[in-house]
Amino acid sequence: MRALPEDVRILIDLEPVVTDALDNHFRATVDWYPHQYIPWSQGRDYDGVLEGEPWDPSQQKLNPAARDGLLHNLLSEENLPSYHRVIGEMLSLDGPWGTWVNRWTLEEARHGTAIRDYLVVTRSADPVELEDDRARHVQHGYEIDYRGDLIASLVYVTVQELGTRVSYQGIRRLCDEPVCAALMQRIAHDENRHMLFYRTVLQACMRMHPDRTLQAVAKVLTTLRPPGHGAPGFGRLISSMARSGILSPETYCKDIAVPFVRMLGAVDATGLGPAGLRAQEDIAAHLEQAADRAHRYRALTERLGHLATA
């Protein structure tokens, strides 16, 4: 992807901010090892070369809602090769940007490894289906919706890291197994640190280019979709996550959209031009719509819950 001259200038101007954010990231880094979060003693051979016990749905013990969340997040995590390519093209693989892209990729790779090992060892998912879905998803690849718009892409990855942290926290609350809970807490901590890096960069964009940043925020919030939207079974998994509260309209409004807008000071920013003021109005309208959707979704789930128990 050939960056626009203006975006190249922004990338260069942001390098000191990125360097400081990297220093903070490394200072807060505590490396961890996926194998330490897997209950290997529960494992046993599968059918095939080892002539072990075939997988059967009756072997699943994990809470179904938590399992669906894990399956969705695993599919998202395992498309990492495409994410690395896209983010490298977007930010550059040179200088501090390149150091960040490679470090981010290193840390994200642990997540998919640990989740897959956990699901396979505990027989919480069909290993054949896991591999078939991974193969289809990675083969399909990934492309960011905001190619050619650097600041919108930065907004997207910031919101996405925040949303991913929220989803892992939601899975942790639902899973009824302590090893899974510990793994979710560990991964959520990583996702939060990734969000903090991008937040620092985006706040600098807000100071340097407030109008364009607010336009990007309005654009992304009104067109946002998860990176795993093309994954096999995405519709069923995301619906399950909404019903369980892992990622629902309420979660989006309360834990993602409102905190994100607040951290940028998007609604309260002053000294804007006409484009920034229009974007500010669009952002405020989006938050109102998100709150309305959250209210309606909560009312609907409560009615359905009453009908189910009547």
Protein backbone atom coordinates (compact mmCIF):
# COMPACT_ATOMS: atom_id res chain seq x y z
CA MET A 1 0.00 0.00 0.00
CA ARG A 2 1.46 3.35 -1.04
CA ALA A 3 0.75 5.86 1.73
CA LEU A 4 -0.49 9.32 0.86
CA PRO A 5 2.15 12.06 1.28
CA GLU A 6 0.14 13.59 4.12
CA ASP A 7 0.00 10.24 5.92
CA VAL A 8 3.75 9.73 5.48
CA ARG A 9 4.25 13.10 7.16
CA ILE A 10 1.94 12.05 10.01
CA LEU A 11 3.84 8.78 10.48
CA ILE A 12 7.11 10.69 10.71
CA ASP A 13 5.68 13.31 13.07
CA LEU A 14 4.35 10.56 15.34
CA GLU A 15 7.67 8.71 15.62
CA PRO A 16 8.71 10.41 18.90
CA VAL A 17 5.31 9.53 20.40
CA VAL A 18 5.67 5.94 19.20
CA THR A 19 9.17 5.72 20.70
CA ASP A 20 7.91 6.88 24.10
CA ALA A 21 4.89 4.56 23.90
CA LEU A 22 7.20 1.66 23.04
CA ASP A 23 9.42 2.44 26.02
CA ASN A 24 6.36 2.41 28.29
CA HIS A 25 5.15 -0.82 26.70
CA PHE A 26 8.44 -2.62 27.25
CA ARG A 27 8.72 -1.36 30.82
CA ALA A 28 5.30 -2.85 31.58
CA THR A 29 5.96 -6.09 29.69
CA VAL A 30 6.02 -9.38 31.56
CA ASP A 31 6.60 -12.22 29.14
CA TRP A 32 4.49 -15.31 29.69
CA TYR A 33 4.39 -18.79 28.24
CA PRO A 34 1.29 -20.45 26.78
CA HIS A 35 2.28 -23.93 27.99
CA GLN A 36 1.96 -22.75 31.61
CA TYR A 37 -1.76 -22.10 31.13
CA ILE A 38 -2.68 -25.50 29.69
CA PRO A 39 -3.93 -28.40 31.90
CA TRP A 40 -1.81 -30.97 30.09
CA SER A 41 -2.70 -33.67 32.63
CA GLN A 42 -6.24 -33.68 31.20
CA GLY A 43 -4.97 -34.54 27.72
CA ARG A 44 -5.17 -37.91 26.01
CA ASP A 45 -4.51 -39.22 22.52
CA TYR A 46 -6.95 -38.62 19.70
CA ASP A 47 -7.83 -41.01 16.91
CA GLY A 48 -5.60 -41.09 13.84
CA VAL A 49 -1.93 -42.04 13.90
CA LEU A 50 -2.00 -42.49 17.69
CA GLU A 51 -5.20 -44.58 17.57
CA GLY A 52 -6.59 -42.76 20.59
CA GLU A 53 -10.11 -41.74 21.53
CA PRO A 54 -12.07 -39.80 18.89
CA TRP A 55 -13.55 -36.44 19.86
CA ASP A 56 -17.22 -36.49 20.85
CA PRO A 57 -19.51 -33.55 21.76
CA SER A 58 -20.26 -35.20 25.10
CA GLN A 59 -16.65 -34.51 26.14
CA GLN A 60 -17.23 -30.75 26.23
CA LYS A 61 -17.34 -29.42 29.78
CA LEU A 62 -16.82 -25.69 29.29
CA ASN A 63 -19.78 -23.33 29.60
CA PRO A 64 -21.28 -23.17 26.05
CA ALA A 65 -21.39 -19.36 26.00
CA ALA A 66 -17.74 -19.12 27.07
CA ARG A 67 -16.80 -21.76 24.50
CA ASP A 68 -18.48 -19.80 21.70
CA GLY A 69 -16.56 -16.72 22.79
CA LEU A 70 -13.31 -18.66 22.72
CA LEU A 71 -14.06 -20.11 19.29
CA HIS A 72 -14.80 -16.66 17.87
CA ASN A 73 -11.69 -15.12 19.39
CA LEU A 74 -9.49 -18.02 18.33
CA LEU A 75 -10.59 -17.67 14.72
CA SER A 76 -9.85 -13.96 14.92
CA GLU A 77 -6.45 -14.48 16.54
CA GLU A 78 -5.36 -17.11 14.03
CA ASN A 79 -5.57 -14.75 11.05
CA LEU A 80 -2.46 -13.07 12.46
CA PRO A 81 -0.38 -13.45 9.25
CA SER A 82 -2.83 -11.18 7.41
CA TYR A 83 -3.03 -8.72 10.30
CA HIS A 84 0.76 -8.46 10.40
CA ARG A 85 0.85 -7.74 6.67
CA VAL A 86 -1.92 -5.14 6.84
CA ILE A 87 -0.55 -3.30 9.87
CA GLY A 88 2.99 -3.42 8.50
CA GLU A 89 1.79 -1.86 5.25
CA MET A 90 -0.23 0.71 7.16
CA LEU A 91 2.43 1.80 9.67
CA SER A 92 5.74 0.75 8.03
CA LEU A 93 8.19 -1.89 9.20
CA ASP A 94 10.97 0.65 9.66
CA GLY A 95 12.09 2.47 12.80
CA PRO A 96 9.91 2.52 15.92
CA TRP A 97 6.79 1.66 13.92
CA GLY A 98 8.41 -1.56 12.72
CA THR A 99 9.55 -2.41 16.25
CA TRP A 100 5.95 -2.02 17.42
CA VAL A 101 4.43 -4.08 14.60
CA ASN A 102 6.80 -6.97 15.25
CA ARG A 103 6.38 -6.81 19.03
CA TRP A 104 2.59 -6.69 18.71
CA THR A 105 2.67 -9.71 16.39
CA LEU A 106 4.88 -11.64 18.81
CA GLU A 107 2.50 -11.02 21.72
CA GLU A 108 -0.67 -11.73 19.74
CA ALA A 109 0.75 -15.05 18.52
CA ARG A 110 0.73 -16.33 22.11
CA HIS A 111 -3.01 -15.84 22.34
CA GLY A 112 -3.95 -18.13 19.48
CA THR A 113 -1.42 -20.76 20.58
CA ALA A 114 -2.72 -20.83 24.14
CA ILE A 115 -6.43 -20.85 23.26
CA ARG A 116 -6.05 -23.62 20.68
CA ASP A 117 -3.97 -25.77 23.03
CA TYR A 118 -6.50 -25.26 25.82
CA LEU A 119 -9.47 -26.22 23.64
CA VAL A 120 -7.72 -29.28 22.18
CA VAL A 121 -6.26 -30.61 25.44
CA THR A 122 -9.53 -30.20 27.37
CA ARG A 123 -11.58 -31.53 24.41
CA SER A 124 -13.74 -28.41 24.62
CA ALA A 125 -14.03 -28.23 20.81
CA ASP A 126 -13.85 -30.51 17.79
CA PRO A 127 -10.15 -30.43 16.75
CA VAL A 128 -10.95 -31.28 13.13
CA GLU A 129 -13.46 -28.45 12.88
CA LEU A 130 -10.98 -26.10 14.56
CA GLU A 131 -8.35 -26.83 11.93
CA ASP A 132 -10.76 -26.76 8.99
CA ASP A 133 -12.14 -23.39 10.08
CA ARG A 134 -8.65 -22.01 10.69
CA ALA A 135 -7.54 -23.11 7.24
CA ARG A 136 -10.55 -21.52 5.55
CA HIS A 137 -10.18 -18.28 7.47
CA VAL A 138 -6.43 -17.88 6.93
CA GLN A 139 -6.81 -18.79 3.26
CA HIS A 140 -9.48 -16.09 2.91
CA GLY A 141 -7.13 -13.53 4.42
CA TYR A 142 -8.00 -10.14 5.85
CA GLU A 143 -8.13 -6.59 4.58
CA ILE A 144 -8.77 -3.56 6.76
CA ASP A 145 -11.83 -1.55 5.76
CA TYR A 146 -9.94 1.75 6.01
CA ARG A 147 -7.03 1.15 3.64
CA GLY A 148 -5.65 4.47 2.46
CA ASP A 149 -6.83 6.35 5.55
CA LEU A 150 -4.10 6.21 8.19
CA ILE A 151 -5.93 7.92 11.04
CA ALA A 152 -9.13 5.93 10.48
CA SER A 153 -7.02 2.77 10.57
CA LEU A 154 -5.46 3.90 13.86
CA VAL A 155 -8.93 4.58 15.24
CA TYR A 156 -10.03 1.11 14.17
CA VAL A 157 -7.13 -0.77 15.78
CA THR A 158 -7.57 1.22 19.01
CA VAL A 159 -11.27 0.43 19.21
CA GLN A 160 -10.60 -3.19 18.25
CA GLU A 161 -7.99 -3.70 20.97
CA LEU A 162 -10.41 -2.23 23.51
CA GLY A 163 -13.23 -4.45 22.26
CA THR A 164 -11.03 -7.53 22.34
CA ARG A 165 -10.04 -6.81 25.93
CA VAL A 166 -13.71 -6.47 26.83
CA SER A 167 -14.56 -9.76 25.13
CA TYR A 168 -11.85 -11.69 27.00
CA GLN A 169 -13.04 -10.17 30.26
CA GLY A 170 -16.56 -11.29 29.40
CA ILE A 171 -15.43 -14.85 28.66
CA ARG A 172 -13.55 -14.89 31.97
CA ARG A 173 -16.73 -13.95 33.84
CA LEU A 174 -18.69 -16.75 32.18
CA CYS A 175 -16.24 -19.62 32.10
CA ASP A 176 -16.68 -21.96 35.03
CA GLU A 177 -13.16 -23.35 34.94
CA PRO A 178 -10.24 -21.72 36.83
CA VAL A 179 -7.51 -22.46 34.27
CA CYS A 180 -9.59 -20.90 31.49
CA ALA A 181 -10.30 -17.90 33.72
CA ALA A 182 -6.58 -17.40 34.40
CA LEU A 183 -5.77 -17.60 30.68
CA MET A 184 -8.50 -15.07 29.83
CA GLN A 185 -7.18 -12.67 32.45
CA ARG A 186 -3.66 -12.99 31.04
CA ILE A 187 -4.77 -12.34 27.47
CA ALA A 188 -7.05 -9.46 28.47
CA HIS A 189 -4.05 -7.83 30.16
CA ASP A 190 -2.09 -8.03 26.89
CA GLU A 191 -4.98 -6.59 24.89
CA ASN A 192 -5.25 -3.70 27.34
CA ARG A 193 -1.54 -2.89 26.93
CA HIS A 194 -1.97 -2.94 23.14
CA MET A 195 -4.93 -0.58 23.47
CA LEU A 196 -2.87 1.76 25.67
CA PHE A 197 -0.15 1.97 23.01
CA TYR A 198 -2.63 2.87 20.28
CA ARG A 199 -4.50 5.23 22.60
CA THR A 200 -1.30 7.19 23.21
CA VAL A 201 -0.68 7.48 19.46
CA LEU A 202 -4.27 8.43 18.71
CA GLN A 203 -4.33 11.08 21.42
CA ALA A 204 -1.29 12.62 19.73
CA CYS A 205 -3.20 12.55 16.43
CA MET A 206 -6.02 14.35 18.18
CA ARG A 207 -3.64 17.10 19.29
CA MET A 208 -1.96 17.41 15.88
CA HIS A 209 -4.94 16.90 13.57
CA PRO A 210 -8.18 17.26 15.59
CA ASP A 211 -10.56 17.74 12.67
CA ARG A 212 -9.29 14.80 10.67
CA THR A 213 -9.12 12.60 13.77
CA LEU A 214 -12.74 13.34 14.66
CA GLN A 215 -13.78 12.64 11.08
CA ALA A 216 -11.98 9.29 11.34
CA VAL A 217 -13.68 8.50 14.66
CA ALA A 218 -17.12 9.22 13.21
CA LYS A 219 -16.33 7.13 10.14
CA VAL A 220 -15.09 4.11 12.07
CA LEU A 221 -17.74 4.07 14.79
CA THR A 222 -20.52 4.07 12.20
CA THR A 223 -18.97 1.32 10.02
CA LEU A 224 -17.20 -0.84 12.62
CA ARG A 225 -17.09 -4.59 12.15
CA PRO A 226 -14.88 -7.18 13.86
CA PRO A 227 -11.77 -8.46 12.05
CA GLY A 228 -13.21 -11.98 12.24
CA HIS A 229 -16.36 -11.05 10.31
CA GLY A 230 -15.36 -13.37 7.45
CA ALA A 231 -14.65 -16.37 9.66
CA PRO A 232 -16.67 -19.59 9.32
CA GLY A 233 -19.68 -19.54 11.65
CA PHE A 234 -19.18 -15.87 12.49
CA GLY A 235 -22.91 -15.08 12.53
CA ARG A 236 -23.76 -17.83 15.01
CA LEU A 237 -20.80 -17.10 17.26
CA ILE A 238 -21.34 -13.35 17.40
CA SER A 239 -25.05 -13.89 18.12
CA SER A 240 -24.14 -16.22 20.98
CA MET A 241 -21.73 -13.63 22.37
CA ALA A 242 -24.46 -10.99 22.23
CA ARG A 243 -26.94 -13.21 24.09
CA SER A 244 -24.38 -14.05 26.78
CA GLY A 245 -23.29 -10.44 27.19
CA ILE A 246 -19.69 -11.03 26.09
CA LEU A 247 -20.20 -8.59 23.21
CA SER A 248 -23.72 -7.19 23.06
CA PRO A 249 -25.22 -3.80 22.16
CA GLU A 250 -25.05 -2.98 25.87
CA THR A 251 -21.41 -4.02 26.09
CA TYR A 252 -20.55 -2.02 23.00
CA CYS A 253 -22.19 1.14 24.31
CA LYS A 254 -21.07 1.00 27.94
CA ASP A 255 -17.64 -0.61 27.70
CA ILE A 256 -16.38 0.33 24.23
CA ALA A 257 -17.97 3.32 22.48
CA VAL A 258 -18.50 5.63 25.46
CA PRO A 259 -15.06 5.04 27.08
CA PHE A 260 -13.32 5.39 23.71
CA VAL A 261 -15.00 8.71 22.88
CA ARG A 262 -14.38 9.96 26.40
CA MET A 263 -10.67 9.11 26.36
CA LEU A 264 -10.21 11.19 23.20
CA GLY A 265 -12.31 14.06 24.50
CA ALA A 266 -14.06 13.83 21.15
CA VAL A 267 -17.38 15.36 22.15
CA ASP A 268 -15.83 18.16 24.23
CA ALA A 269 -13.03 19.19 21.84
CA THR A 270 -12.88 22.89 20.94
CA GLY A 271 -11.17 24.98 18.29
CA LEU A 272 -12.49 22.81 15.47
CA GLY A 273 -13.18 23.68 11.88
CA PRO A 274 -16.45 22.97 10.06
CA ALA A 275 -15.46 19.37 9.24
CA GLY A 276 -14.51 18.65 12.84
CA LEU A 277 -17.71 20.17 14.17
CA ARG A 278 -19.81 18.03 11.82
CA ALA A 279 -17.87 14.93 12.86
CA GLN A 280 -18.39 15.85 16.51
CA GLU A 281 -22.15 15.99 15.92
CA ASP A 282 -22.03 12.62 14.15
CA ILE A 283 -20.13 11.07 17.07
CA ALA A 284 -22.62 12.40 19.62
CA ALA A 285 -25.49 11.09 17.50
CA HIS A 286 -23.82 7.68 17.27
CA LEU A 287 -23.53 7.48 21.06
CA GLU A 288 -27.23 8.31 21.40
CA GLN A 289 -28.11 5.62 18.86
CA ALA A 290 -25.85 3.10 20.61
CA ALA A 291 -27.53 3.84 23.94
CA ASP A 292 -30.95 3.41 22.35
CA ARG A 293 -29.95 0.08 20.78
CA ALA A 294 -28.57 -1.08 24.12
CA HIS A 295 -31.82 -0.16 25.87
CA ARG A 296 -33.96 -1.91 23.26
CA TYR A 297 -31.75 -5.00 23.29
CA ARG A 298 -31.93 -5.23 27.07
CA ALA A 299 -35.71 -4.88 26.98
CA LEU A 300 -35.96 -7.59 24.32
CA THR A 301 -33.78 -10.04 26.23
CA GLU A 302 -35.77 -9.44 29.40
CA ARG A 303 -39.06 -10.13 27.56
CA LEU A 304 -37.65 -13.30 26.03
CA GLY A 305 -36.37 -14.36 29.43
CA HIS A 306 -39.83 -13.89 30.97
CA LEU A 307 -41.43 -15.90 28.13
CA ALA A 308 -38.92 -18.72 28.59
CA THR A 309 -39.75 -19.03 32.28
CA ALA A 310 -43.52 -18.54 31.95
